[in-house]
Amino acid sequence: MRSLLPIVVALLASCATAEPTASTTPTSPAPEAAPSRETPEPVLPTVVYLVRHAEKASDGTKNPPLTDAGKARAECLGRMFVHAGVTHLYSTDLQRTELTVTPLAIALGLKVEALPAGDNAALVERLDGLPPGSVAMVAGHSNTVPAIAAELGTPLAGLDEQGYIPHEQYDRLVSIVRSPSTKPKLVELRFCAPSATSP
């Protein structure tokens, strides 16, 4: 009778090199990996505040300064918005608009960018180019504030027959929230001392 030792050795050797067989114990199926879709970061909106310049003096010139009431309104505006996260300040190249936002500029350590009074397109281009999350304060005029608001997609109500802010109204403040995914949203407020003709 031949020795079985060579056969046993061969079987042990094959078992040592063979891959392990799958367990017959039932197991739960491994969860499928979720598809690798990166959630896009939300784009922060930009906020634009539009105000008409504060009360101006009647000195017979085309570039008058503010009256005492106008200076008080400008100071009040600065106090109101010092903690509002304003990142950009714009005015026209006339002193009454720049003086309106100067107290806020001083409080925030920002520079006022003055653009030509008749060039609304240049201002809108600046506003369109603001980084997400920016907050801009714009001081304009009775005719330019409605035009800028309309250009941004939010026409104003309560204008005169020319489509301007009524002459004696200095306390209107327009807030426009702009986001790439939604229509712009407008809120209009009254700020600081009420104007004589404000409703």
N, C-alpha and C. Protein backbone atom coordinates (compact mmCIF):
# COMPACT_ATOMS: atom_id res chain seq x y z
N MET A 1 0.85 -1.19 0.00
CA MET A 1 0.00 0.00 0.00
C MET A 1 0.88 1.23 0.00
N ARG A 2 0.61 2.11 -0.96
CA ARG A 2 1.45 3.29 -1.07
C ARG A 2 1.17 4.24 0.08
N SER A 3 2.20 5.02 0.46
CA SER A 3 2.05 5.99 1.55
C SER A 3 1.15 7.12 1.09
N LEU A 4 0.29 7.55 1.99
CA LEU A 4 -0.59 8.69 1.70
C LEU A 4 0.06 10.01 2.04
N LEU A 5 1.28 9.99 2.60
CA LEU A 5 1.92 11.23 3.06
C LEU A 5 2.13 12.25 1.94
N PRO A 6 2.60 11.81 0.75
CA PRO A 6 2.77 12.82 -0.30
C PRO A 6 1.45 13.50 -0.69
N ILE A 7 0.36 12.70 -0.67
CA ILE A 7 -0.94 13.29 -1.04
C ILE A 7 -1.39 14.28 0.01
N VAL A 8 -1.23 13.96 1.29
CA VAL A 8 -1.62 14.88 2.38
C VAL A 8 -0.81 16.16 2.33
N VAL A 9 0.51 16.02 2.08
CA VAL A 9 1.38 17.21 1.99
C VAL A 9 0.93 18.11 0.85
N ALA A 10 0.59 17.47 -0.28
CA ALA A 10 0.15 18.26 -1.44
C ALA A 10 -1.14 18.99 -1.15
N LEU A 11 -2.08 18.32 -0.45
CA LEU A 11 -3.35 18.96 -0.10
C LEU A 11 -3.13 20.12 0.86
N LEU A 12 -2.27 19.96 1.86
CA LEU A 12 -1.98 21.05 2.80
C LEU A 12 -1.34 22.23 2.10
N ALA A 13 -0.44 21.94 1.17
CA ALA A 13 0.23 23.02 0.45
C ALA A 13 -0.77 23.81 -0.40
N SER A 14 -1.70 23.09 -1.04
CA SER A 14 -2.69 23.79 -1.87
C SER A 14 -3.63 24.63 -1.03
N CYS A 15 -3.95 24.14 0.18
CA CYS A 15 -4.82 24.91 1.08
C CYS A 15 -4.13 26.17 1.58
N ALA A 16 -2.82 26.11 1.79
CA ALA A 16 -2.08 27.26 2.31
C ALA A 16 -1.99 28.37 1.29
N THR A 17 -1.99 28.04 0.00
CA THR A 17 -1.83 29.07 -1.03
C THR A 17 -3.15 29.50 -1.66
N ALA A 18 -4.21 28.73 -1.40
CA ALA A 18 -5.49 29.08 -2.02
C ALA A 18 -6.10 30.30 -1.33
N GLU A 19 -6.90 31.06 -2.09
CA GLU A 19 -7.61 32.20 -1.51
C GLU A 19 -8.67 31.69 -0.57
N PRO A 20 -8.92 32.40 0.53
CA PRO A 20 -9.96 31.94 1.46
C PRO A 20 -11.31 31.95 0.81
N THR A 21 -12.09 30.96 1.15
CA THR A 21 -13.44 30.89 0.59
C THR A 21 -14.34 31.85 1.33
N ALA A 22 -15.40 32.30 0.64
CA ALA A 22 -16.33 33.24 1.25
C ALA A 22 -17.07 32.57 2.39
N SER A 23 -17.33 33.33 3.41
CA SER A 23 -18.04 32.79 4.56
C SER A 23 -19.47 32.48 4.17
N THR A 24 -19.95 31.41 4.72
CA THR A 24 -21.34 31.05 4.45
C THR A 24 -22.29 31.74 5.42
N THR A 25 -21.75 32.52 6.39
CA THR A 25 -22.60 33.23 7.33
C THR A 25 -23.25 34.41 6.62
N PRO A 26 -24.57 34.51 6.64
CA PRO A 26 -25.21 35.64 5.93
C PRO A 26 -24.83 36.97 6.56
N THR A 27 -24.53 37.93 5.74
CA THR A 27 -24.17 39.28 6.22
C THR A 27 -25.03 40.30 5.50
N SER A 28 -25.14 41.48 6.13
CA SER A 28 -25.90 42.56 5.51
C SER A 28 -25.11 43.12 4.35
N PRO A 29 -25.80 43.47 3.26
CA PRO A 29 -25.06 44.04 2.12
C PRO A 29 -24.44 45.38 2.51
N ALA A 30 -23.26 45.65 1.99
CA ALA A 30 -22.60 46.92 2.28
C ALA A 30 -23.40 48.06 1.66
N PRO A 31 -23.53 49.16 2.37
CA PRO A 31 -24.29 50.28 1.80
C PRO A 31 -23.59 50.83 0.57
N GLU A 32 -24.40 51.22 -0.39
CA GLU A 32 -23.83 51.78 -1.61
C GLU A 32 -23.27 53.15 -1.31
N ALA A 33 -22.13 53.43 -1.91
CA ALA A 33 -21.51 54.74 -1.70
C ALA A 33 -22.37 55.81 -2.35
N ALA A 34 -22.55 56.90 -1.62
CA ALA A 34 -23.34 58.01 -2.17
C ALA A 34 -22.60 58.61 -3.35
N PRO A 35 -23.33 59.04 -4.35
CA PRO A 35 -22.66 59.66 -5.50
C PRO A 35 -21.87 60.89 -5.06
N SER A 36 -20.71 61.05 -5.61
CA SER A 36 -19.84 62.15 -5.19
C SER A 36 -20.26 63.45 -5.86
N ARG A 37 -21.32 64.03 -5.34
CA ARG A 37 -21.79 65.32 -5.83
C ARG A 37 -21.44 66.38 -4.81
N GLU A 38 -20.63 67.31 -5.19
CA GLU A 38 -20.26 68.38 -4.27
C GLU A 38 -21.39 69.40 -4.23
N THR A 39 -21.86 69.73 -3.02
CA THR A 39 -22.92 70.73 -2.88
C THR A 39 -22.32 72.10 -3.13
N PRO A 40 -22.86 72.84 -4.09
CA PRO A 40 -22.28 74.16 -4.36
C PRO A 40 -22.47 75.10 -3.17
N GLU A 41 -21.46 75.91 -2.95
CA GLU A 41 -21.55 76.89 -1.87
C GLU A 41 -22.61 77.92 -2.23
N PRO A 42 -23.47 78.30 -1.26
CA PRO A 42 -24.47 79.33 -1.56
C PRO A 42 -23.80 80.67 -1.85
N VAL A 43 -24.33 81.37 -2.82
CA VAL A 43 -23.79 82.68 -3.19
C VAL A 43 -24.48 83.74 -2.34
N LEU A 44 -23.70 84.48 -1.59
CA LEU A 44 -24.26 85.52 -0.74
C LEU A 44 -24.82 86.64 -1.59
N PRO A 45 -25.95 87.22 -1.18
CA PRO A 45 -26.50 88.35 -1.94
C PRO A 45 -25.68 89.62 -1.69
N THR A 46 -25.87 90.59 -2.55
CA THR A 46 -25.34 91.93 -2.29
C THR A 46 -26.51 92.83 -1.92
N VAL A 47 -26.23 93.83 -1.12
CA VAL A 47 -27.25 94.77 -0.68
C VAL A 47 -26.83 96.17 -1.12
N VAL A 48 -27.77 96.89 -1.72
CA VAL A 48 -27.52 98.26 -2.16
C VAL A 48 -28.51 99.17 -1.44
N TYR A 49 -28.00 100.17 -0.74
CA TYR A 49 -28.83 101.20 -0.13
C TYR A 49 -28.73 102.46 -0.98
N LEU A 50 -29.88 103.00 -1.33
CA LEU A 50 -29.93 104.24 -2.11
C LEU A 50 -30.56 105.34 -1.27
N VAL A 51 -29.90 106.48 -1.18
CA VAL A 51 -30.47 107.64 -0.51
C VAL A 51 -30.26 108.87 -1.39
N ARG A 52 -31.19 109.76 -1.31
CA ARG A 52 -30.98 111.07 -1.91
C ARG A 52 -30.06 111.85 -0.98
N HIS A 53 -29.31 112.79 -1.54
CA HIS A 53 -28.48 113.64 -0.69
C HIS A 53 -29.35 114.34 0.36
N ALA A 54 -28.73 114.71 1.46
CA ALA A 54 -29.45 115.40 2.53
C ALA A 54 -29.77 116.84 2.10
N GLU A 55 -30.50 117.54 2.97
CA GLU A 55 -30.95 118.90 2.64
C GLU A 55 -29.80 119.79 2.19
N LYS A 56 -30.00 120.46 1.05
CA LYS A 56 -28.94 121.30 0.48
C LYS A 56 -29.26 122.78 0.69
N ALA A 57 -28.21 123.57 0.69
CA ALA A 57 -28.37 125.03 0.83
C ALA A 57 -28.82 125.63 -0.49
N SER A 58 -29.46 126.75 -0.41
CA SER A 58 -29.85 127.51 -1.60
C SER A 58 -28.93 128.72 -1.71
N ASP A 59 -27.75 128.47 -2.29
CA ASP A 59 -26.77 129.56 -2.37
C ASP A 59 -26.60 130.09 -3.78
N GLY A 60 -27.47 129.68 -4.70
CA GLY A 60 -27.41 130.18 -6.06
C GLY A 60 -26.37 129.51 -6.93
N THR A 61 -25.68 128.51 -6.41
CA THR A 61 -24.67 127.81 -7.21
C THR A 61 -25.21 126.45 -7.63
N LYS A 62 -24.48 125.80 -8.55
CA LYS A 62 -24.86 124.46 -8.99
C LYS A 62 -24.31 123.38 -8.07
N ASN A 63 -23.46 123.76 -7.14
CA ASN A 63 -22.84 122.77 -6.27
C ASN A 63 -22.89 123.24 -4.80
N PRO A 64 -24.11 123.37 -4.26
CA PRO A 64 -24.23 123.90 -2.89
C PRO A 64 -23.85 122.85 -1.85
N PRO A 65 -23.47 123.31 -0.65
CA PRO A 65 -23.22 122.37 0.45
C PRO A 65 -24.52 121.99 1.13
N LEU A 66 -24.42 121.27 2.22
CA LEU A 66 -25.60 120.91 3.01
C LEU A 66 -25.95 122.02 3.98
N THR A 67 -27.23 122.11 4.28
CA THR A 67 -27.68 123.00 5.35
C THR A 67 -27.37 122.36 6.70
N ASP A 68 -27.66 123.08 7.78
CA ASP A 68 -27.48 122.49 9.11
C ASP A 68 -28.36 121.25 9.27
N ALA A 69 -29.59 121.32 8.73
CA ALA A 69 -30.47 120.15 8.79
C ALA A 69 -29.89 119.00 7.98
N GLY A 70 -29.28 119.31 6.85
CA GLY A 70 -28.65 118.29 6.03
C GLY A 70 -27.45 117.65 6.72
N LYS A 71 -26.66 118.48 7.39
CA LYS A 71 -25.52 117.93 8.13
C LYS A 71 -25.99 117.00 9.24
N ALA A 72 -27.07 117.40 9.92
CA ALA A 72 -27.61 116.56 10.99
C ALA A 72 -28.12 115.23 10.42
N ARG A 73 -28.74 115.29 9.24
CA ARG A 73 -29.23 114.05 8.62
C ARG A 73 -28.05 113.14 8.22
N ALA A 74 -27.00 113.75 7.69
CA ALA A 74 -25.83 112.97 7.31
C ALA A 74 -25.20 112.29 8.53
N GLU A 75 -25.11 113.03 9.63
CA GLU A 75 -24.58 112.43 10.87
C GLU A 75 -25.47 111.29 11.35
N CYS A 76 -26.78 111.49 11.26
CA CYS A 76 -27.73 110.47 11.67
C CYS A 76 -27.59 109.22 10.80
N LEU A 77 -27.43 109.41 9.50
CA LEU A 77 -27.24 108.28 8.59
C LEU A 77 -25.98 107.50 8.96
N GLY A 78 -24.92 108.23 9.30
CA GLY A 78 -23.69 107.56 9.70
C GLY A 78 -23.87 106.72 10.95
N ARG A 79 -24.62 107.25 11.93
CA ARG A 79 -24.86 106.48 13.16
C ARG A 79 -25.71 105.26 12.89
N MET A 80 -26.69 105.40 12.01
CA MET A 80 -27.59 104.28 11.70
C MET A 80 -26.88 103.11 11.05
N PHE A 81 -25.90 103.40 10.18
CA PHE A 81 -25.31 102.35 9.34
C PHE A 81 -23.89 101.97 9.71
N VAL A 82 -23.40 102.48 10.82
CA VAL A 82 -22.03 102.17 11.19
C VAL A 82 -21.84 100.68 11.47
N HIS A 83 -22.89 99.99 11.90
CA HIS A 83 -22.80 98.55 12.18
C HIS A 83 -23.59 97.71 11.17
N ALA A 84 -23.85 98.27 10.00
CA ALA A 84 -24.66 97.55 9.00
C ALA A 84 -23.81 96.77 8.01
N GLY A 85 -22.53 96.71 8.20
CA GLY A 85 -21.67 95.93 7.31
C GLY A 85 -21.39 96.58 5.97
N VAL A 86 -21.51 97.91 5.90
CA VAL A 86 -21.27 98.61 4.63
C VAL A 86 -19.81 98.43 4.22
N THR A 87 -19.62 98.03 2.96
CA THR A 87 -18.27 97.78 2.44
C THR A 87 -17.86 98.76 1.34
N HIS A 88 -18.84 99.42 0.72
CA HIS A 88 -18.55 100.34 -0.39
C HIS A 88 -19.44 101.57 -0.27
N LEU A 89 -18.87 102.73 -0.59
CA LEU A 89 -19.60 103.99 -0.55
C LEU A 89 -19.45 104.70 -1.88
N TYR A 90 -20.59 105.14 -2.42
CA TYR A 90 -20.58 105.85 -3.70
C TYR A 90 -21.37 107.15 -3.58
N SER A 91 -20.92 108.17 -4.31
CA SER A 91 -21.65 109.42 -4.41
C SER A 91 -21.47 109.95 -5.82
N THR A 92 -22.11 111.05 -6.11
CA THR A 92 -21.82 111.73 -7.37
C THR A 92 -20.64 112.68 -7.13
N ASP A 93 -20.27 113.40 -8.17
CA ASP A 93 -19.14 114.32 -8.06
C ASP A 93 -19.57 115.69 -7.54
N LEU A 94 -20.75 115.79 -6.96
CA LEU A 94 -21.22 117.04 -6.35
C LEU A 94 -21.14 116.90 -4.83
N GLN A 95 -20.79 118.01 -4.17
CA GLN A 95 -20.45 117.90 -2.76
C GLN A 95 -21.62 117.51 -1.86
N ARG A 96 -22.84 117.82 -2.26
CA ARG A 96 -23.96 117.49 -1.38
C ARG A 96 -24.16 115.98 -1.21
N THR A 97 -23.85 115.21 -2.26
CA THR A 97 -23.97 113.76 -2.12
C THR A 97 -22.79 113.19 -1.34
N GLU A 98 -21.60 113.68 -1.63
CA GLU A 98 -20.43 113.17 -0.90
C GLU A 98 -20.51 113.53 0.58
N LEU A 99 -20.97 114.75 0.89
CA LEU A 99 -21.10 115.15 2.29
C LEU A 99 -22.16 114.32 3.02
N THR A 100 -23.13 113.80 2.28
CA THR A 100 -24.19 112.99 2.91
C THR A 100 -23.63 111.69 3.47
N VAL A 101 -22.65 111.10 2.80
CA VAL A 101 -22.09 109.82 3.27
C VAL A 101 -20.72 109.98 3.94
N THR A 102 -20.23 111.21 4.04
CA THR A 102 -18.92 111.42 4.66
C THR A 102 -18.86 110.99 6.12
N PRO A 103 -19.86 111.30 6.97
CA PRO A 103 -19.78 110.80 8.35
C PRO A 103 -19.69 109.28 8.44
N LEU A 104 -20.40 108.57 7.58
CA LEU A 104 -20.32 107.11 7.56
C LEU A 104 -18.94 106.66 7.09
N ALA A 105 -18.41 107.34 6.07
CA ALA A 105 -17.08 106.99 5.57
C ALA A 105 -16.03 107.15 6.66
N ILE A 106 -16.12 108.25 7.42
CA ILE A 106 -15.16 108.48 8.50
C ILE A 106 -15.29 107.41 9.57
N ALA A 107 -16.53 107.09 9.94
CA ALA A 107 -16.75 106.09 10.99
C ALA A 107 -16.23 104.71 10.58
N LEU A 108 -16.31 104.38 9.29
CA LEU A 108 -15.91 103.05 8.82
C LEU A 108 -14.48 103.01 8.28
N GLY A 109 -13.89 104.17 8.10
CA GLY A 109 -12.56 104.20 7.50
C GLY A 109 -12.56 103.84 6.03
N LEU A 110 -13.66 104.17 5.33
CA LEU A 110 -13.79 103.88 3.91
C LEU A 110 -13.65 105.14 3.08
N LYS A 111 -13.28 104.97 1.83
CA LYS A 111 -13.21 106.08 0.89
C LYS A 111 -14.50 106.14 0.09
N VAL A 112 -14.99 107.34 -0.14
CA VAL A 112 -16.18 107.53 -0.98
C VAL A 112 -15.72 107.61 -2.44
N GLU A 113 -16.27 106.74 -3.27
CA GLU A 113 -15.96 106.81 -4.70
C GLU A 113 -16.98 107.71 -5.37
N ALA A 114 -16.51 108.83 -5.89
CA ALA A 114 -17.38 109.81 -6.53
C ALA A 114 -17.39 109.58 -8.04
N LEU A 115 -18.60 109.46 -8.59
CA LEU A 115 -18.77 109.24 -10.03
C LEU A 115 -19.58 110.40 -10.61
N PRO A 116 -19.45 110.68 -11.90
CA PRO A 116 -20.19 111.78 -12.50
C PRO A 116 -21.70 111.66 -12.27
N ALA A 117 -22.33 112.77 -11.93
CA ALA A 117 -23.76 112.75 -11.58
C ALA A 117 -24.63 112.23 -12.71
N GLY A 118 -24.23 112.47 -13.94
CA GLY A 118 -25.06 112.04 -15.07
C GLY A 118 -24.74 110.66 -15.60
N ASP A 119 -23.80 109.97 -14.97
CA ASP A 119 -23.36 108.67 -15.51
C ASP A 119 -23.85 107.54 -14.62
N ASN A 120 -25.16 107.27 -14.70
CA ASN A 120 -25.72 106.16 -13.91
C ASN A 120 -25.16 104.81 -14.36
N ALA A 121 -24.83 104.71 -15.63
CA ALA A 121 -24.32 103.43 -16.15
C ALA A 121 -23.02 103.05 -15.46
N ALA A 122 -22.15 104.02 -15.20
CA ALA A 122 -20.88 103.72 -14.52
C ALA A 122 -21.13 103.20 -13.12
N LEU A 123 -22.10 103.80 -12.43
CA LEU A 123 -22.43 103.34 -11.07
C LEU A 123 -23.01 101.93 -11.10
N VAL A 124 -23.95 101.68 -11.99
CA VAL A 124 -24.57 100.36 -12.08
C VAL A 124 -23.51 99.31 -12.41
N GLU A 125 -22.55 99.67 -13.25
CA GLU A 125 -21.46 98.73 -13.57
C GLU A 125 -20.66 98.39 -12.31
N ARG A 126 -20.41 99.40 -11.47
CA ARG A 126 -19.71 99.14 -10.21
C ARG A 126 -20.53 98.21 -9.32
N LEU A 127 -21.83 98.48 -9.23
CA LEU A 127 -22.69 97.66 -8.37
C LEU A 127 -22.79 96.23 -8.89
N ASP A 128 -22.86 96.08 -10.20
CA ASP A 128 -22.91 94.73 -10.78
C ASP A 128 -21.64 93.95 -10.51
N GLY A 129 -20.52 94.66 -10.35
CA GLY A 129 -19.24 93.99 -10.16
C GLY A 129 -18.86 93.78 -8.71
N LEU A 130 -19.74 94.09 -7.77
CA LEU A 130 -19.41 93.91 -6.36
C LEU A 130 -19.28 92.43 -6.01
N PRO A 131 -18.33 92.08 -5.15
CA PRO A 131 -18.22 90.67 -4.73
C PRO A 131 -19.44 90.25 -3.93
N PRO A 132 -19.80 88.96 -3.95
CA PRO A 132 -20.92 88.48 -3.14
C PRO A 132 -20.74 88.85 -1.67
N GLY A 133 -21.84 89.26 -1.04
CA GLY A 133 -21.80 89.65 0.36
C GLY A 133 -21.51 91.12 0.59
N SER A 134 -21.27 91.87 -0.50
CA SER A 134 -20.98 93.29 -0.35
C SER A 134 -22.22 94.07 0.06
N VAL A 135 -22.00 95.19 0.74
CA VAL A 135 -23.08 96.11 1.11
C VAL A 135 -22.65 97.51 0.69
N ALA A 136 -23.41 98.11 -0.22
CA ALA A 136 -23.05 99.42 -0.77
C ALA A 136 -24.06 100.48 -0.34
N MET A 137 -23.55 101.65 -0.02
CA MET A 137 -24.39 102.82 0.25
C MET A 137 -24.14 103.82 -0.88
N VAL A 138 -25.21 104.24 -1.52
CA VAL A 138 -25.12 105.15 -2.67
C VAL A 138 -25.92 106.41 -2.36
N ALA A 139 -25.28 107.56 -2.46
CA ALA A 139 -25.96 108.85 -2.31
C ALA A 139 -26.13 109.48 -3.68
N GLY A 140 -27.38 109.70 -4.06
CA GLY A 140 -27.66 110.28 -5.37
C GLY A 140 -28.53 111.51 -5.27
N HIS A 141 -29.32 111.74 -6.31
CA HIS A 141 -30.15 112.94 -6.42
C HIS A 141 -31.60 112.54 -6.63
N SER A 142 -32.47 113.53 -6.61
CA SER A 142 -33.91 113.26 -6.75
C SER A 142 -34.23 112.58 -8.09
N ASN A 143 -33.41 112.84 -9.11
CA ASN A 143 -33.65 112.21 -10.42
C ASN A 143 -32.83 110.93 -10.61
N THR A 144 -31.65 110.84 -10.00
CA THR A 144 -30.80 109.67 -10.25
C THR A 144 -31.18 108.46 -9.39
N VAL A 145 -31.65 108.69 -8.17
CA VAL A 145 -32.01 107.55 -7.32
C VAL A 145 -33.11 106.70 -7.97
N PRO A 146 -34.22 107.31 -8.46
CA PRO A 146 -35.22 106.47 -9.15
C PRO A 146 -34.67 105.78 -10.39
N ALA A 147 -33.80 106.47 -11.13
CA ALA A 147 -33.24 105.86 -12.34
C ALA A 147 -32.35 104.67 -12.00
N ILE A 148 -31.57 104.80 -10.95
CA ILE A 148 -30.69 103.69 -10.54
C ILE A 148 -31.52 102.51 -10.05
N ALA A 149 -32.54 102.80 -9.24
CA ALA A 149 -33.40 101.73 -8.74
C ALA A 149 -34.06 100.98 -9.90
N ALA A 150 -34.55 101.71 -10.90
CA ALA A 150 -35.17 101.07 -12.06
C ALA A 150 -34.14 100.23 -12.82
N GLU A 151 -32.92 100.74 -12.94
CA GLU A 151 -31.86 100.00 -13.64
C GLU A 151 -31.52 98.70 -12.92
N LEU A 152 -31.67 98.70 -11.60
CA LEU A 152 -31.41 97.50 -10.81
C LEU A 152 -32.62 96.56 -10.75
N GLY A 153 -33.70 96.94 -11.44
CA GLY A 153 -34.87 96.06 -11.53
C GLY A 153 -35.91 96.28 -10.46
N THR A 154 -35.87 97.44 -9.76
CA THR A 154 -36.82 97.70 -8.69
C THR A 154 -37.34 99.14 -8.80
N PRO A 155 -38.28 99.40 -9.69
CA PRO A 155 -38.80 100.77 -9.85
C PRO A 155 -39.43 101.28 -8.55
N LEU A 156 -39.32 102.58 -8.33
CA LEU A 156 -39.86 103.21 -7.14
C LEU A 156 -41.26 103.75 -7.40
N ALA A 157 -42.05 103.80 -6.33
CA ALA A 157 -43.37 104.44 -6.39
C ALA A 157 -43.28 105.80 -5.69
N GLY A 158 -44.37 106.55 -5.75
CA GLY A 158 -44.44 107.83 -5.04
C GLY A 158 -43.54 108.90 -5.61
N LEU A 159 -43.35 108.91 -6.93
CA LEU A 159 -42.52 109.91 -7.57
C LEU A 159 -43.38 111.04 -8.13
N ASP A 160 -42.75 112.14 -8.50
CA ASP A 160 -43.53 113.25 -9.05
C ASP A 160 -43.81 113.01 -10.53
N GLU A 161 -44.40 114.00 -11.19
CA GLU A 161 -44.80 113.81 -12.59
C GLU A 161 -43.61 113.61 -13.52
N GLN A 162 -42.43 114.03 -13.09
CA GLN A 162 -41.22 113.81 -13.90
C GLN A 162 -40.55 112.47 -13.62
N GLY A 163 -41.09 111.77 -12.64
CA GLY A 163 -40.46 110.52 -12.26
C GLY A 163 -39.32 110.70 -11.27
N TYR A 164 -39.30 111.84 -10.57
CA TYR A 164 -38.26 112.14 -9.59
C TYR A 164 -38.82 112.02 -8.17
N ILE A 165 -37.92 111.93 -7.20
CA ILE A 165 -38.33 112.03 -5.81
C ILE A 165 -38.82 113.46 -5.58
N PRO A 166 -39.98 113.66 -4.98
CA PRO A 166 -40.48 115.01 -4.76
C PRO A 166 -39.43 115.89 -4.08
N HIS A 167 -39.41 117.15 -4.47
CA HIS A 167 -38.32 118.07 -4.12
C HIS A 167 -38.01 118.13 -2.63
N GLU A 168 -39.03 118.14 -1.78
CA GLU A 168 -38.81 118.32 -0.34
C GLU A 168 -38.60 117.02 0.42
N GLN A 169 -38.57 115.89 -0.27
CA GLN A 169 -38.39 114.61 0.43
C GLN A 169 -36.91 114.22 0.48
N TYR A 170 -36.39 114.22 1.70
CA TYR A 170 -34.98 113.86 1.91
C TYR A 170 -34.83 112.62 2.81
N ASP A 171 -35.94 112.05 3.25
CA ASP A 171 -35.86 110.97 4.23
C ASP A 171 -36.18 109.59 3.66
N ARG A 172 -36.14 109.44 2.35
CA ARG A 172 -36.43 108.15 1.74
C ARG A 172 -35.13 107.33 1.63
N LEU A 173 -35.20 106.09 2.06
CA LEU A 173 -34.06 105.19 1.99
C LEU A 173 -34.53 103.88 1.35
N VAL A 174 -33.86 103.49 0.29
CA VAL A 174 -34.24 102.31 -0.47
C VAL A 174 -33.20 101.22 -0.23
N SER A 175 -33.66 100.03 0.12
CA SER A 175 -32.78 98.86 0.28
C SER A 175 -33.12 97.85 -0.81
N ILE A 176 -32.11 97.45 -1.57
CA ILE A 176 -32.29 96.48 -2.65
C ILE A 176 -31.37 95.30 -2.41
N VAL A 177 -31.96 94.11 -2.26
CA VAL A 177 -31.18 92.88 -2.07
C VAL A 177 -31.10 92.18 -3.42
N ARG A 178 -29.88 91.91 -3.87
CA ARG A 178 -29.65 91.33 -5.19
C ARG A 178 -28.98 89.96 -5.05
N SER A 179 -29.54 88.98 -5.73
CA SER A 179 -29.00 87.62 -5.69
C SER A 179 -29.09 87.03 -7.09
N PRO A 180 -28.10 86.23 -7.50
CA PRO A 180 -28.15 85.64 -8.84
C PRO A 180 -29.33 84.70 -9.05
N SER A 181 -29.85 84.13 -7.97
CA SER A 181 -30.89 83.10 -8.11
C SER A 181 -32.31 83.62 -7.94
N THR A 182 -32.48 84.86 -7.53
CA THR A 182 -33.83 85.39 -7.30
C THR A 182 -33.95 86.80 -7.86
N LYS A 183 -35.17 87.25 -8.00
CA LYS A 183 -35.39 88.63 -8.42
C LYS A 183 -34.97 89.58 -7.31
N PRO A 184 -34.52 90.78 -7.67
CA PRO A 184 -34.13 91.73 -6.62
C PRO A 184 -35.33 92.10 -5.75
N LYS A 185 -35.07 92.30 -4.46
CA LYS A 185 -36.13 92.63 -3.50
C LYS A 185 -35.91 94.04 -2.98
N LEU A 186 -36.96 94.83 -2.98
CA LEU A 186 -36.87 96.22 -2.57
C LEU A 186 -37.66 96.47 -1.30
N VAL A 187 -37.06 97.19 -0.38
CA VAL A 187 -37.75 97.68 0.81
C VAL A 187 -37.45 99.17 0.91
N GLU A 188 -38.49 99.97 1.10
CA GLU A 188 -38.27 101.41 1.25
C GLU A 188 -38.66 101.84 2.66
N LEU A 189 -37.79 102.65 3.26
CA LEU A 189 -37.97 103.12 4.62
C LEU A 189 -37.85 104.64 4.67
N ARG A 190 -38.23 105.19 5.80
CA ARG A 190 -37.96 106.60 6.10
C ARG A 190 -36.90 106.63 7.18
N PHE A 191 -35.95 107.54 7.08
CA PHE A 191 -34.87 107.55 8.05
C PHE A 191 -34.64 108.94 8.62
N CYS A 192 -34.22 108.94 9.86
CA CYS A 192 -33.87 110.15 10.60
C CYS A 192 -35.03 111.15 10.61
N ALA A 193 -34.76 112.43 10.56
CA ALA A 193 -35.81 113.43 10.71
C ALA A 193 -36.78 113.35 9.53
N PRO A 194 -38.09 113.33 9.79
CA PRO A 194 -39.05 113.25 8.68
C PRO A 194 -39.05 114.52 7.84
N SER A 195 -39.20 114.35 6.55
CA SER A 195 -39.34 115.52 5.67
C SER A 195 -40.75 116.07 5.77
N ALA A 196 -40.91 117.32 5.44
CA ALA A 196 -42.20 117.98 5.60
C ALA A 196 -43.29 117.34 4.75
N THR A 197 -42.92 116.85 3.55
CA THR A 197 -43.94 116.31 2.65
C THR A 197 -44.01 114.80 2.65
N SER A 198 -43.28 114.12 3.56
CA SER A 198 -43.33 112.66 3.57
C SER A 198 -44.66 112.19 4.10
N PRO A 199 -45.20 111.10 3.53
CA PRO A 199 -46.50 110.59 4.01
C PRO A 199 -46.39 110.00 5.40
